[in-house]
Amino acid sequence: MKIEVDNSRFMECIDELATQITEMNFGADTYSEIGDGLSKDRCTVFNEEPQDYYNEMYDEYEDLLNNTIGVYRRDENAPPPEDKHLSLIKDIRWLTLKYRGGSVEPKDLVNQIDELLNNSYNEQV
């Protein structure tokens, strides 16, 4: 099963994991403060070796999430995924309308709803 999550949430998660492991490995040597050259403000950046390590860990954690538990970032330009529960509800609603209209027998209604629920469950497993 493939689970797609919001791109920014996915990136925040991977960033947090990669940052924590980088900080654990490099300790006080992880960061440096630098001036931005335009003002008196200073900013904190990774030192060169920790930055390289962070980049490697980011890629490794992303691959780990993708390949072991099937979590991927959602393509922001892709259409939203179909809500399977909404689709199931629509199908059941359609069957009940057919039943009320007299075109489906009670036993057939129960069997068809049971089949829809089983198919929906099997898709999620």
PDB file of N, CA and C in Angstrom:
ATOM      1  N   MET A   1       0.843  -1.165   0.000  1.00  0.00           N
ATOM      2  CA  MET A   1       0.000   0.000   0.000  1.00  0.00           C
ATOM      3  C   MET A   1       0.899   1.242   0.000  1.00  0.00           C
ATOM      4  N   LYS A   2       0.522   2.223  -0.779  1.00  0.00           N
ATOM      5  CA  LYS A   2       1.283   3.472  -0.865  1.00  0.00           C
ATOM      6  C   LYS A   2       0.504   4.561  -0.129  1.00  0.00           C
ATOM      7  N   ILE A   3       1.165   5.202   0.819  1.00  0.00           N
ATOM      8  CA  ILE A   3       0.559   6.288   1.584  1.00  0.00           C
ATOM      9  C   ILE A   3       1.224   7.583   1.151  1.00  0.00           C
ATOM     10  N   GLU A   4       0.413   8.513   0.670  1.00  0.00           N
ATOM     11  CA  GLU A   4       0.954   9.809   0.268  1.00  0.00           C
ATOM     12  C   GLU A   4       0.560  10.850   1.300  1.00  0.00           C
ATOM     13  N   VAL A   5       1.550  11.641   1.721  1.00  0.00           N
ATOM     14  CA  VAL A   5       1.305  12.710   2.685  1.00  0.00           C
ATOM     15  C   VAL A   5       1.684  14.041   2.056  1.00  0.00           C
ATOM     16  N   ASP A   6       1.150  15.092   2.637  1.00  0.00           N
ATOM     17  CA  ASP A   6       1.449  16.439   2.167  1.00  0.00           C
ATOM     18  C   ASP A   6       2.957  16.643   2.054  1.00  0.00           C
ATOM     19  N   ASN A   7       3.399  17.200   0.946  1.00  0.00           N
ATOM     20  CA  ASN A   7       4.825  17.368   0.669  1.00  0.00           C
ATOM     21  C   ASN A   7       5.544  18.102   1.794  1.00  0.00           C
ATOM     22  N   SER A   8       4.970  19.188   2.299  1.00  0.00           N
ATOM     23  CA  SER A   8       5.667  19.964   3.339  1.00  0.00           C
ATOM     24  C   SER A   8       5.754  19.177   4.648  1.00  0.00           C
ATOM     25  N   ARG A   9       4.718  18.430   4.998  1.00  0.00           N
ATOM     26  CA  ARG A   9       4.762  17.614   6.220  1.00  0.00           C
ATOM     27  C   ARG A   9       5.791  16.505   6.080  1.00  0.00           C
ATOM     28  N   PHE A  10       5.853  15.895   4.902  1.00  0.00           N
ATOM     29  CA  PHE A  10       6.827  14.834   4.652  1.00  0.00           C
ATOM     30  C   PHE A  10       8.245  15.385   4.806  1.00  0.00           C
ATOM     31  N   MET A  11       8.500  16.540   4.191  1.00  0.00           N
ATOM     32  CA  MET A  11       9.830  17.144   4.251  1.00  0.00           C
ATOM     33  C   MET A  11      10.188  17.562   5.680  1.00  0.00           C
ATOM     34  N   GLU A  12       9.221  18.080   6.435  1.00  0.00           N
ATOM     35  CA  GLU A  12       9.475  18.456   7.830  1.00  0.00           C
ATOM     36  C   GLU A  12       9.878  17.242   8.653  1.00  0.00           C
ATOM     37  N   CYS A  13       9.211  16.123   8.426  1.00  0.00           N
ATOM     38  CA  CYS A  13       9.521  14.895   9.159  1.00  0.00           C
ATOM     39  C   CYS A  13      10.932  14.418   8.842  1.00  0.00           C
ATOM     40  N   ILE A  14      11.265  14.340   7.565  1.00  0.00           N
ATOM     41  CA  ILE A  14      12.591  13.880   7.152  1.00  0.00           C
ATOM     42  C   ILE A  14      13.659  14.848   7.660  1.00  0.00           C
ATOM     43  N   ASP A  15      13.393  16.142   7.557  1.00  0.00           N
ATOM     44  CA  ASP A  15      14.339  17.152   8.037  1.00  0.00           C
ATOM     45  C   ASP A  15      14.602  16.974   9.534  1.00  0.00           C
ATOM     46  N   GLU A  16      13.544  16.769  10.300  1.00  0.00           N
ATOM     47  CA  GLU A  16      13.707  16.612  11.750  1.00  0.00           C
ATOM     48  C   GLU A  16      14.550  15.388  12.079  1.00  0.00           C
ATOM     49  N   LEU A  17      14.287  14.267  11.419  1.00  0.00           N
ATOM     50  CA  LEU A  17      15.072  13.055  11.652  1.00  0.00           C
ATOM     51  C   LEU A  17      16.540  13.270  11.279  1.00  0.00           C
ATOM     52  N   ALA A  18      16.774  13.835  10.103  1.00  0.00           N
ATOM     53  CA  ALA A  18      18.150  14.051   9.638  1.00  0.00           C
ATOM     54  C   ALA A  18      18.886  15.054  10.528  1.00  0.00           C
ATOM     55  N   THR A  19      18.181  16.089  10.974  1.00  0.00           N
ATOM     56  CA  THR A  19      18.801  17.082  11.854  1.00  0.00           C
ATOM     57  C   THR A  19      19.174  16.460  13.194  1.00  0.00           C
ATOM     58  N   GLN A  20      18.263  15.690  13.774  1.00  0.00           N
ATOM     59  CA  GLN A  20      18.551  15.087  15.080  1.00  0.00           C
ATOM     60  C   GLN A  20      19.748  14.139  15.020  1.00  0.00           C
ATOM     61  N   ILE A  21      19.828  13.296  13.994  1.00  0.00           N
ATOM     62  CA  ILE A  21      20.954  12.353  13.914  1.00  0.00           C
ATOM     63  C   ILE A  21      22.251  13.104  13.640  1.00  0.00           C
ATOM     64  N   THR A  22      22.179  14.187  12.887  1.00  0.00           N
ATOM     65  CA  THR A  22      23.377  14.996  12.615  1.00  0.00           C
ATOM     66  C   THR A  22      23.857  15.651  13.913  1.00  0.00           C
ATOM     67  N   GLU A  23      22.940  16.225  14.676  1.00  0.00           N
ATOM     68  CA  GLU A  23      23.306  16.860  15.947  1.00  0.00           C
ATOM     69  C   GLU A  23      23.876  15.838  16.928  1.00  0.00           C
ATOM     70  N   MET A  24      23.312  14.631  16.947  1.00  0.00           N
ATOM     71  CA  MET A  24      23.835  13.591  17.846  1.00  0.00           C
ATOM     72  C   MET A  24      25.252  13.196  17.466  1.00  0.00           C
ATOM     73  N   ASN A  25      25.557  13.157  16.175  1.00  0.00           N
ATOM     74  CA  ASN A  25      26.879  12.723  15.723  1.00  0.00           C
ATOM     75  C   ASN A  25      27.946  13.806  15.807  1.00  0.00           C
ATOM     76  N   PHE A  26      27.547  15.060  15.636  1.00  0.00           N
ATOM     77  CA  PHE A  26      28.552  16.125  15.590  1.00  0.00           C
ATOM     78  C   PHE A  26      28.551  17.030  16.817  1.00  0.00           C
ATOM     79  N   GLY A  27      27.526  16.932  17.638  1.00  0.00           N
ATOM     80  CA  GLY A  27      27.484  17.707  18.871  1.00  0.00           C
ATOM     81  C   GLY A  27      27.693  19.193  18.655  1.00  0.00           C
ATOM     82  N   ALA A  28      28.621  19.766  19.431  1.00  0.00           N
ATOM     83  CA  ALA A  28      28.888  21.206  19.389  1.00  0.00           C
ATOM     84  C   ALA A  28      29.493  21.648  18.060  1.00  0.00           C
ATOM     85  N   ASP A  29      30.019  20.706  17.288  1.00  0.00           N
ATOM     86  CA  ASP A  29      30.638  21.048  15.999  1.00  0.00           C
ATOM     87  C   ASP A  29      29.639  21.049  14.836  1.00  0.00           C
ATOM     88  N   THR A  30      28.363  20.922  15.147  1.00  0.00           N
ATOM     89  CA  THR A  30      27.341  20.839  14.106  1.00  0.00           C
ATOM     90  C   THR A  30      27.139  22.169  13.393  1.00  0.00           C
ATOM     91  N   TYR A  31      27.066  23.265  14.146  1.00  0.00           N
ATOM     92  CA  TYR A  31      26.668  24.560  13.602  1.00  0.00           C
ATOM     93  C   TYR A  31      27.738  25.630  13.786  1.00  0.00           C
ATOM     94  N   SER A  32      27.602  26.656  12.960  1.00  0.00           N
ATOM     95  CA  SER A  32      28.362  27.895  13.118  1.00  0.00           C
ATOM     96  C   SER A  32      27.396  29.053  12.928  1.00  0.00           C
ATOM     97  N   GLU A  33      27.704  30.156  13.572  1.00  0.00           N
ATOM     98  CA  GLU A  33      26.919  31.369  13.350  1.00  0.00           C
ATOM     99  C   GLU A  33      27.679  32.239  12.366  1.00  0.00           C
ATOM    100  N   ILE A  34      26.955  32.755  11.393  1.00  0.00           N
ATOM    101  CA  ILE A  34      27.589  33.628  10.399  1.00  0.00           C
ATOM    102  C   ILE A  34      26.736  34.876  10.214  1.00  0.00           C
ATOM    103  N   GLY A  35      27.362  35.916   9.743  1.00  0.00           N
ATOM    104  CA  GLY A  35      26.642  37.136   9.411  1.00  0.00           C
ATOM    105  C   GLY A  35      26.113  37.025   7.998  1.00  0.00           C
ATOM    106  N   ASP A  36      25.017  37.726   7.752  1.00  0.00           N
ATOM    107  CA  ASP A  36      24.456  37.657   6.405  1.00  0.00           C
ATOM    108  C   ASP A  36      25.097  38.666   5.458  1.00  0.00           C
ATOM    109  N   GLY A  37      25.966  39.509   5.971  1.00  0.00           N
ATOM    110  CA  GLY A  37      26.676  40.468   5.130  1.00  0.00           C
ATOM    111  C   GLY A  37      25.895  41.725   4.821  1.00  0.00           C
ATOM    112  N   LEU A  38      24.610  41.733   5.130  1.00  0.00           N
ATOM    113  CA  LEU A  38      23.784  42.900   4.825  1.00  0.00           C
ATOM    114  C   LEU A  38      23.359  43.660   6.077  1.00  0.00           C
ATOM    115  N   SER A  39      23.429  42.989   7.209  1.00  0.00           N
ATOM    116  CA  SER A  39      22.991  43.621   8.449  1.00  0.00           C
ATOM    117  C   SER A  39      23.829  43.067   9.602  1.00  0.00           C
ATOM    118  N   LYS A  40      23.442  43.447  10.792  1.00  0.00           N
ATOM    119  CA  LYS A  40      24.134  42.946  11.970  1.00  0.00           C
ATOM    120  C   LYS A  40      23.593  41.584  12.405  1.00  0.00           C
ATOM    121  N   ASP A  41      22.545  41.129  11.720  1.00  0.00           N
ATOM    122  CA  ASP A  41      21.931  39.845  12.060  1.00  0.00           C
ATOM    123  C   ASP A  41      22.875  38.695  11.763  1.00  0.00           C
ATOM    124  N   ARG A  42      22.724  37.652  12.557  1.00  0.00           N
ATOM    125  CA  ARG A  42      23.533  36.450  12.375  1.00  0.00           C
ATOM    126  C   ARG A  42      22.578  35.280  12.173  1.00  0.00           C
ATOM    127  N   CYS A  43      23.035  34.279  11.484  1.00  0.00           N
ATOM    128  CA  CYS A  43      22.213  33.087  11.312  1.00  0.00           C
ATOM    129  C   CYS A  43      23.048  31.849  11.597  1.00  0.00           C
ATOM    130  N   THR A  44      22.376  30.776  11.921  1.00  0.00           N
ATOM    131  CA  THR A  44      23.032  29.528  12.257  1.00  0.00           C
ATOM    132  C   THR A  44      22.952  28.594  11.056  1.00  0.00           C
ATOM    133  N   VAL A  45      24.101  28.032  10.677  1.00  0.00           N
ATOM    134  CA  VAL A  45      24.155  27.108   9.537  1.00  0.00           C
ATOM    135  C   VAL A  45      24.964  25.872   9.929  1.00  0.00           C
ATOM    136  N   PHE A  46      24.715  24.779   9.199  1.00  0.00           N
ATOM    137  CA  PHE A  46      25.531  23.596   9.391  1.00  0.00           C
ATOM    138  C   PHE A  46      26.965  23.891   8.964  1.00  0.00           C
ATOM    139  N   ASN A  47      27.931  23.334   9.670  1.00  0.00           N
ATOM    140  CA  ASN A  47      29.310  23.342   9.183  1.00  0.00           C
ATOM    141  C   ASN A  47      29.370  22.395   7.976  1.00  0.00           C
ATOM    142  N   GLU A  48      30.466  22.436   7.237  1.00  0.00           N
ATOM    143  CA  GLU A  48      30.541  21.695   5.968  1.00  0.00           C
ATOM    144  C   GLU A  48      30.354  20.183   6.134  1.00  0.00           C
ATOM    145  N   GLU A  49      31.116  19.557   7.027  1.00  0.00           N
ATOM    146  CA  GLU A  49      31.012  18.107   7.192  1.00  0.00           C
ATOM    147  C   GLU A  49      29.629  17.689   7.721  1.00  0.00           C
ATOM    148  N   PRO A  50      29.090  18.371   8.743  1.00  0.00           N
ATOM    149  CA  PRO A  50      27.733  18.035   9.173  1.00  0.00           C
ATOM    150  C   PRO A  50      26.684  18.256   8.072  1.00  0.00           C
ATOM    151  N   GLN A  51      26.885  19.275   7.231  1.00  0.00           N
ATOM    152  CA  GLN A  51      25.936  19.510   6.130  1.00  0.00           C
ATOM    153  C   GLN A  51      25.942  18.340   5.152  1.00  0.00           C
ATOM    154  N   ASP A  52      27.125  17.844   4.823  1.00  0.00           N
ATOM    155  CA  ASP A  52      27.220  16.674   3.934  1.00  0.00           C
ATOM    156  C   ASP A  52      26.547  15.456   4.568  1.00  0.00           C
ATOM    157  N   TYR A  53      26.793  15.273   5.866  1.00  0.00           N
ATOM    158  CA  TYR A  53      26.191  14.147   6.590  1.00  0.00           C
ATOM    159  C   TYR A  53      24.669  14.284   6.614  1.00  0.00           C
ATOM    160  N   TYR A  54      24.171  15.487   6.893  1.00  0.00           N
ATOM    161  CA  TYR A  54      22.729  15.760   6.900  1.00  0.00           C
ATOM    162  C   TYR A  54      22.121  15.394   5.549  1.00  0.00           C
ATOM    163  N   ASN A  55      22.754  15.814   4.465  1.00  0.00           N
ATOM    164  CA  ASN A  55      22.243  15.523   3.123  1.00  0.00           C
ATOM    165  C   ASN A  55      22.130  14.016   2.888  1.00  0.00           C
ATOM    166  N   GLU A  56      23.151  13.283   3.307  1.00  0.00           N
ATOM    167  CA  GLU A  56      23.134  11.821   3.166  1.00  0.00           C
ATOM    168  C   GLU A  56      22.012  11.206   3.997  1.00  0.00           C
ATOM    169  N   MET A  57      21.867  11.671   5.241  1.00  0.00           N
ATOM    170  CA  MET A  57      20.838  11.137   6.131  1.00  0.00           C
ATOM    171  C   MET A  57      19.444  11.475   5.628  1.00  0.00           C
ATOM    172  N   TYR A  58      19.272  12.668   5.086  1.00  0.00           N
ATOM    173  CA  TYR A  58      17.972  13.063   4.537  1.00  0.00           C
ATOM    174  C   TYR A  58      17.557  12.072   3.452  1.00  0.00           C
ATOM    175  N   ASP A  59      18.478  11.808   2.519  1.00  0.00           N
ATOM    176  CA  ASP A  59      18.182  10.862   1.433  1.00  0.00           C
ATOM    177  C   ASP A  59      17.922   9.458   1.970  1.00  0.00           C
ATOM    178  N   GLU A  60      18.709   9.054   2.961  1.00  0.00           N
ATOM    179  CA  GLU A  60      18.561   7.716   3.532  1.00  0.00           C
ATOM    180  C   GLU A  60      17.214   7.561   4.246  1.00  0.00           C
ATOM    181  N   TYR A  61      16.827   8.569   5.034  1.00  0.00           N
ATOM    182  CA  TYR A  61      15.545   8.500   5.733  1.00  0.00           C
ATOM    183  C   TYR A  61      14.374   8.546   4.754  1.00  0.00           C
ATOM    184  N   GLU A  62      14.502   9.335   3.715  1.00  0.00           N
ATOM    185  CA  GLU A  62      13.434   9.389   2.709  1.00  0.00           C
ATOM    186  C   GLU A  62      13.264   8.017   2.049  1.00  0.00           C
ATOM    187  N   ASP A  63      14.371   7.403   1.659  1.00  0.00           N
ATOM    188  CA  ASP A  63      14.307   6.064   1.066  1.00  0.00           C
ATOM    189  C   ASP A  63      13.741   5.050   2.052  1.00  0.00           C
ATOM    190  N   LEU A  64      14.127   5.168   3.317  1.00  0.00           N
ATOM    191  CA  LEU A  64      13.651   4.254   4.346  1.00  0.00           C
ATOM    192  C   LEU A  64      12.131   4.332   4.484  1.00  0.00           C
ATOM    193  N   LEU A  65      11.593   5.548   4.563  1.00  0.00           N
ATOM    194  CA  LEU A  65      10.144   5.708   4.668  1.00  0.00           C
ATOM    195  C   LEU A  65       9.435   5.195   3.419  1.00  0.00           C
ATOM    196  N   ASN A  66      10.005   5.490   2.252  1.00  0.00           N
ATOM    197  CA  ASN A  66       9.400   5.036   0.999  1.00  0.00           C
ATOM    198  C   ASN A  66       9.380   3.514   0.911  1.00  0.00           C
ATOM    199  N   ASN A  67      10.516   2.898   1.172  1.00  0.00           N
ATOM    200  CA  ASN A  67      10.677   1.478   0.878  1.00  0.00           C
ATOM    201  C   ASN A  67      10.238   0.527   1.985  1.00  0.00           C
ATOM    202  N   THR A  68      10.223   0.974   3.238  1.00  0.00           N
ATOM    203  CA  THR A  68       9.862   0.048   4.311  1.00  0.00           C
ATOM    204  C   THR A  68       8.412   0.170   4.753  1.00  0.00           C
ATOM    205  N   ILE A  69       7.883   1.390   4.793  1.00  0.00           N
ATOM    206  CA  ILE A  69       6.490   1.526   5.226  1.00  0.00           C
ATOM    207  C   ILE A  69       5.605   2.187   4.174  1.00  0.00           C
ATOM    208  N   GLY A  70       6.131   2.443   3.002  1.00  0.00           N
ATOM    209  CA  GLY A  70       5.312   2.923   1.891  1.00  0.00           C
ATOM    210  C   GLY A  70       4.780   4.332   2.037  1.00  0.00           C
ATOM    211  N   VAL A  71       5.533   5.208   2.702  1.00  0.00           N
ATOM    212  CA  VAL A  71       5.111   6.599   2.855  1.00  0.00           C
ATOM    213  C   VAL A  71       5.881   7.449   1.854  1.00  0.00           C
ATOM    214  N   TYR A  72       5.147   8.234   1.072  1.00  0.00           N
ATOM    215  CA  TYR A  72       5.726   9.068   0.023  1.00  0.00           C
ATOM    216  C   TYR A  72       5.186  10.480   0.133  1.00  0.00           C
ATOM    217  N   ARG A  73       5.918  11.414  -0.434  1.00  0.00           N
ATOM    218  CA  ARG A  73       5.412  12.778  -0.510  1.00  0.00           C
ATOM    219  C   ARG A  73       4.413  12.852  -1.660  1.00  0.00           C
ATOM    220  N   ARG A  74       3.351  13.618  -1.442  1.00  0.00           N
ATOM    221  CA  ARG A  74       2.322  13.784  -2.457  1.00  0.00           C
ATOM    222  C   ARG A  74       2.767  14.850  -3.453  1.00  0.00           C
ATOM    223  N   ASP A  75       2.626  14.532  -4.713  1.00  0.00           N
ATOM    224  CA  ASP A  75       2.925  15.493  -5.770  1.00  0.00           C
ATOM    225  C   ASP A  75       1.880  16.610  -5.691  1.00  0.00           C
ATOM    226  N   GLU A  76       2.321  17.820  -5.440  1.00  0.00           N
ATOM    227  CA  GLU A  76       1.395  18.937  -5.252  1.00  0.00           C
ATOM    228  C   GLU A  76       0.586  19.257  -6.503  1.00  0.00           C
ATOM    229  N   ASN A  77       1.064  18.837  -7.680  1.00  0.00           N
ATOM    230  CA  ASN A  77       0.347  19.106  -8.923  1.00  0.00           C
ATOM    231  C   ASN A  77      -0.614  17.991  -9.310  1.00  0.00           C
ATOM    232  N   ALA A  78      -0.561  16.885  -8.589  1.00  0.00           N
ATOM    233  CA  ALA A  78      -1.442  15.763  -8.882  1.00  0.00           C
ATOM    234  C   ALA A  78      -2.835  16.045  -8.330  1.00  0.00           C
ATOM    235  N   PRO A  79      -3.850  15.482  -8.957  1.00  0.00           N
ATOM    236  CA  PRO A  79      -5.195  15.656  -8.401  1.00  0.00           C
ATOM    237  C   PRO A  79      -5.286  14.978  -7.046  1.00  0.00           C
ATOM    238  N   PRO A  80      -6.162  15.470  -6.170  1.00  0.00           N
ATOM    239  CA  PRO A  80      -6.263  14.855  -4.847  1.00  0.00           C
ATOM    240  C   PRO A  80      -6.693  13.398  -4.970  1.00  0.00           C
ATOM    241  N   PRO A  81      -6.214  12.555  -4.057  1.00  0.00           N
ATOM    242  CA  PRO A  81      -6.598  11.151  -4.131  1.00  0.00           C
ATOM    243  C   PRO A  81      -8.092  10.986  -3.866  1.00  0.00           C
ATOM    244  N   GLU A  82      -8.683   9.982  -4.488  1.00  0.00           N
ATOM    245  CA  GLU A  82     -10.101   9.719  -4.286  1.00  0.00           C
ATOM    246  C   GLU A  82     -10.303   9.208  -2.868  1.00  0.00           C
ATOM    247  N   ASP A  83     -11.282   9.749  -2.213  1.00  0.00           N
ATOM    248  CA  ASP A  83     -11.611   9.300  -0.867  1.00  0.00           C
ATOM    249  C   ASP A  83     -12.387   7.994  -0.988  1.00  0.00           C
ATOM    250  N   LYS A  84     -11.751   6.888  -0.629  1.00  0.00           N
ATOM    251  CA  LYS A  84     -12.367   5.567  -0.789  1.00  0.00           C
ATOM    252  C   LYS A  84     -13.612   5.427   0.077  1.00  0.00           C
ATOM    253  N   HIS A  85     -13.605   6.050   1.252  1.00  0.00           N
ATOM    254  CA  HIS A  85     -14.786   5.965   2.111  1.00  0.00           C
ATOM    255  C   HIS A  85     -15.968   6.685   1.479  1.00  0.00           C
ATOM    256  N   LEU A  86     -15.714   7.836   0.888  1.00  0.00           N
ATOM    257  CA  LEU A  86     -16.774   8.581   0.236  1.00  0.00           C
ATOM    258  C   LEU A  86     -17.336   7.779  -0.931  1.00  0.00           C
ATOM    259  N   SER A  87     -16.465   7.151  -1.695  1.00  0.00           N
ATOM    260  CA  SER A  87     -16.897   6.319  -2.812  1.00  0.00           C
ATOM    261  C   SER A  87     -17.762   5.168  -2.317  1.00  0.00           C
ATOM    262  N   LEU A  88     -17.361   4.533  -1.226  1.00  0.00           N
ATOM    263  CA  LEU A  88     -18.117   3.425  -0.651  1.00  0.00           C
ATOM    264  C   LEU A  88     -19.490   3.903  -0.183  1.00  0.00           C
ATOM    265  N   ILE A  89     -19.529   5.047   0.478  1.00  0.00           N
ATOM    266  CA  ILE A  89     -20.797   5.602   0.952  1.00  0.00           C
ATOM    267  C   ILE A  89     -21.728   5.881  -0.224  1.00  0.00           C
ATOM    268  N   LYS A  90     -21.187   6.442  -1.312  1.00  0.00           N
ATOM    269  CA  LYS A  90     -22.001   6.715  -2.498  1.00  0.00           C
ATOM    270  C   LYS A  90     -22.569   5.423  -3.077  1.00  0.00           C
ATOM    271  N   ASP A  91     -21.750   4.371  -3.137  1.00  0.00           N
ATOM    272  CA  ASP A  91     -22.208   3.090  -3.672  1.00  0.00           C
ATOM    273  C   ASP A  91     -23.326   2.506  -2.816  1.00  0.00           C
ATOM    274  N   ILE A  92     -23.164   2.559  -1.503  1.00  0.00           N
ATOM    275  CA  ILE A  92     -24.191   2.025  -0.601  1.00  0.00           C
ATOM    276  C   ILE A  92     -25.467   2.861  -0.706  1.00  0.00           C
ATOM    277  N   ARG A  93     -25.302   4.162  -0.784  1.00  0.00           N
ATOM    278  CA  ARG A  93     -26.470   5.058  -0.937  1.00  0.00           C
ATOM    279  C   ARG A  93     -27.226   4.727  -2.213  1.00  0.00           C
ATOM    280  N   TRP A  94     -26.511   4.486  -3.309  1.00  0.00           N
ATOM    281  CA  TRP A  94     -27.139   4.144  -4.581  1.00  0.00           C
ATOM    282  C   TRP A  94     -27.934   2.839  -4.451  1.00  0.00           C
ATOM    283  N   LEU A  95     -27.371   1.839  -3.763  1.00  0.00           N
ATOM    284  CA  LEU A  95     -28.074   0.568  -3.572  1.00  0.00           C
ATOM    285  C   LEU A  95     -29.339   0.751  -2.740  1.00  0.00           C
ATOM    286  N   THR A  96     -29.265   1.575  -1.686  1.00  0.00           N
ATOM    287  CA  THR A  96     -30.452   1.782  -0.853  1.00  0.00           C
ATOM    288  C   THR A  96     -31.548   2.519  -1.628  1.00  0.00           C
ATOM    289  N   LEU A  97     -31.157   3.437  -2.508  1.00  0.00           N
ATOM    290  CA  LEU A  97     -32.150   4.118  -3.345  1.00  0.00           C
ATOM    291  C   LEU A  97     -32.815   3.130  -4.303  1.00  0.00           C
ATOM    292  N   LYS A  98     -32.012   2.221  -4.858  1.00  0.00           N
ATOM    293  CA  LYS A  98     -32.568   1.200  -5.739  1.00  0.00           C
ATOM    294  C   LYS A  98     -33.521   0.289  -4.962  1.00  0.00           C
ATOM    295  N   TYR A  99     -33.169  -0.033  -3.711  1.00  0.00           N
ATOM    296  CA  TYR A  99     -34.022  -0.875  -2.870  1.00  0.00           C
ATOM    297  C   TYR A  99     -35.351  -0.170  -2.606  1.00  0.00           C
ATOM    298  N   ARG A 100     -35.270   1.104  -2.243  1.00  0.00           N
ATOM    299  CA  ARG A 100     -36.493   1.860  -1.960  1.00  0.00           C
ATOM    300  C   ARG A 100     -37.362   1.990  -3.194  1.00  0.00           C
ATOM    301  N   GLY A 101     -36.715   2.006  -4.356  1.00  0.00           N
ATOM    302  CA  GLY A 101     -37.463   2.090  -5.609  1.00  0.00           C
ATOM    303  C   GLY A 101     -38.030   0.748  -6.046  1.00  0.00           C
ATOM    304  N   GLY A 102     -37.679  -0.297  -5.335  1.00  0.00           N
ATOM    305  CA  GLY A 102     -38.231  -1.606  -5.630  1.00  0.00           C
ATOM    306  C   GLY A 102     -37.445  -2.428  -6.629  1.00  0.00           C
ATOM    307  N   SER A 103     -36.290  -1.947  -7.081  1.00  0.00           N
ATOM    308  CA  SER A 103     -35.544  -2.703  -8.090  1.00  0.00           C
ATOM    309  C   SER A 103     -34.506  -3.655  -7.494  1.00  0.00           C
ATOM    310  N   VAL A 104     -34.382  -3.672  -6.149  1.00  0.00           N
ATOM    311  CA  VAL A 104     -33.447  -4.588  -5.484  1.00  0.00           C
ATOM    312  C   VAL A 104     -34.187  -5.256  -4.327  1.00  0.00           C
ATOM    313  N   GLU A 105     -34.093  -6.556  -4.251  1.00  0.00           N
ATOM    314  CA  GLU A 105     -34.700  -7.322  -3.158  1.00  0.00           C
ATOM    315  C   GLU A 105     -33.862  -7.151  -1.884  1.00  0.00           C
ATOM    316  N   PRO A 106     -34.475  -7.248  -0.700  1.00  0.00           N
ATOM    317  CA  PRO A 106     -33.734  -7.082   0.558  1.00  0.00           C
ATOM    318  C   PRO A 106     -32.511  -7.982   0.664  1.00  0.00           C
ATOM    319  N   LYS A 107     -32.651  -9.250   0.306  1.00  0.00           N
ATOM    320  CA  LYS A 107     -31.517 -10.177   0.403  1.00  0.00           C
ATOM    321  C   LYS A 107     -30.390  -9.740  -0.537  1.00  0.00           C
ATOM    322  N   ASP A 108     -30.747  -9.318  -1.746  1.00  0.00           N
ATOM    323  CA  ASP A 108     -29.740  -8.850  -2.700  1.00  0.00           C
ATOM    324  C   ASP A 108     -29.058  -7.583  -2.206  1.00  0.00           C
ATOM    325  N   LEU A 109     -29.829  -6.701  -1.567  1.00  0.00           N
ATOM    326  CA  LEU A 109     -29.274  -5.465  -1.014  1.00  0.00           C
ATOM    327  C   LEU A 109     -28.199  -5.796   0.026  1.00  0.00           C
ATOM    328  N   VAL A 110     -28.524  -6.703   0.939  1.00  0.00           N
ATOM    329  CA  VAL A 110     -27.569  -7.084   1.984  1.00  0.00           C
ATOM    330  C   VAL A 110     -26.326  -7.704   1.353  1.00  0.00           C
ATOM    331  N   ASN A 111     -26.508  -8.593   0.387  1.00  0.00           N
ATOM    332  CA  ASN A 111     -25.370  -9.249  -0.269  1.00  0.00           C
ATOM    333  C   ASN A 111     -24.490  -8.243  -1.017  1.00  0.00           C
ATOM    334  N   GLN A 112     -25.105  -7.305  -1.696  1.00  0.00           N
ATOM    335  CA  GLN A 112     -24.326  -6.317  -2.453  1.00  0.00           C
ATOM    336  C   GLN A 112     -23.566  -5.372  -1.524  1.00  0.00           C
ATOM    337  N   ILE A 113     -24.188  -4.960  -0.434  1.00  0.00           N
ATOM    338  CA  ILE A 113     -23.497  -4.102   0.535  1.00  0.00           C
ATOM    339  C   ILE A 113     -22.346  -4.873   1.180  1.00  0.00           C
ATOM    340  N   ASP A 114     -22.595  -6.125   1.529  1.00  0.00           N
ATOM    341  CA  ASP A 114     -21.541  -6.965   2.094  1.00  0.00           C
ATOM    342  C   ASP A 114     -20.365  -7.097   1.125  1.00  0.00           C
ATOM    343  N   GLU A 115     -20.654  -7.274  -0.144  1.00  0.00           N
ATOM    344  CA  GLU A 115     -19.596  -7.379  -1.164  1.00  0.00           C
ATOM    345  C   GLU A 115     -18.805  -6.067  -1.271  1.00  0.00           C
ATOM    346  N   LEU A 116     -19.507  -4.937  -1.266  1.00  0.00           N
ATOM    347  CA  LEU A 116     -18.820  -3.636  -1.307  1.00  0.00           C
ATOM    348  C   LEU A 116     -17.888  -3.470  -0.112  1.00  0.00           C
ATOM    349  N   LEU A 117     -18.373  -3.818   1.078  1.00  0.00           N
ATOM    350  CA  LEU A 117     -17.559  -3.686   2.280  1.00  0.00           C
ATOM    351  C   LEU A 117     -16.352  -4.613   2.248  1.00  0.00           C
ATOM    352  N   ASN A 118     -16.540  -5.839   1.794  1.00  0.00           N
ATOM    353  CA  ASN A 118     -15.417  -6.775   1.686  1.00  0.00           C
ATOM    354  C   ASN A 118     -14.367  -6.300   0.692  1.00  0.00           C
ATOM    355  N   ASN A 119     -14.816  -5.794  -0.450  1.00  0.00           N
ATOM    356  CA  ASN A 119     -13.875  -5.275  -1.461  1.00  0.00           C
ATOM    357  C   ASN A 119     -13.116  -4.078  -0.917  1.00  0.00           C
ATOM    358  N   SER A 120     -13.804  -3.206  -0.207  1.00  0.00           N
ATOM    359  CA  SER A 120     -13.157  -2.030   0.368  1.00  0.00           C
ATOM    360  C   SER A 120     -12.120  -2.460   1.400  1.00  0.00           C
ATOM    361  N   TYR A 121     -12.471  -3.424   2.242  1.00  0.00           N
ATOM    362  CA  TYR A 121     -11.527  -3.919   3.259  1.00  0.00           C
ATOM    363  C   TYR A 121     -10.317  -4.566   2.603  1.00  0.00           C
ATOM    364  N   ASN A 122     -10.536  -5.384   1.589  1.00  0.00           N
ATOM    365  CA  ASN A 122      -9.432  -6.078   0.919  1.00  0.00           C
ATOM    366  C   ASN A 122      -8.466  -5.118   0.230  1.00  0.00           C
ATOM    367  N   GLU A 123      -8.981  -3.987  -0.257  1.00  0.00           N
ATOM    368  CA  GLU A 123      -8.118  -2.981  -0.885  1.00  0.00           C
ATOM    369  C   GLU A 123      -7.205  -2.321   0.145  1.00  0.00           C
ATOM    370  N   GLN A 124      -7.657  -2.223   1.394  1.00  0.00           N
ATOM    371  CA  GLN A 124      -6.877  -1.559   2.425  1.00  0.00           C
ATOM    372  C   GLN A 124      -5.853  -2.470   3.064  1.00  0.00           C
ATOM    373  N   VAL A 125      -6.045  -3.773   2.945  1.00  0.00           N
ATOM    374  CA  VAL A 125      -5.127  -4.741   3.583  1.00  0.00           C
ATOM    375  C   VAL A 125      -3.945  -5.007   2.711  1.00  0.00           C
TER     376      VAL A 125
END
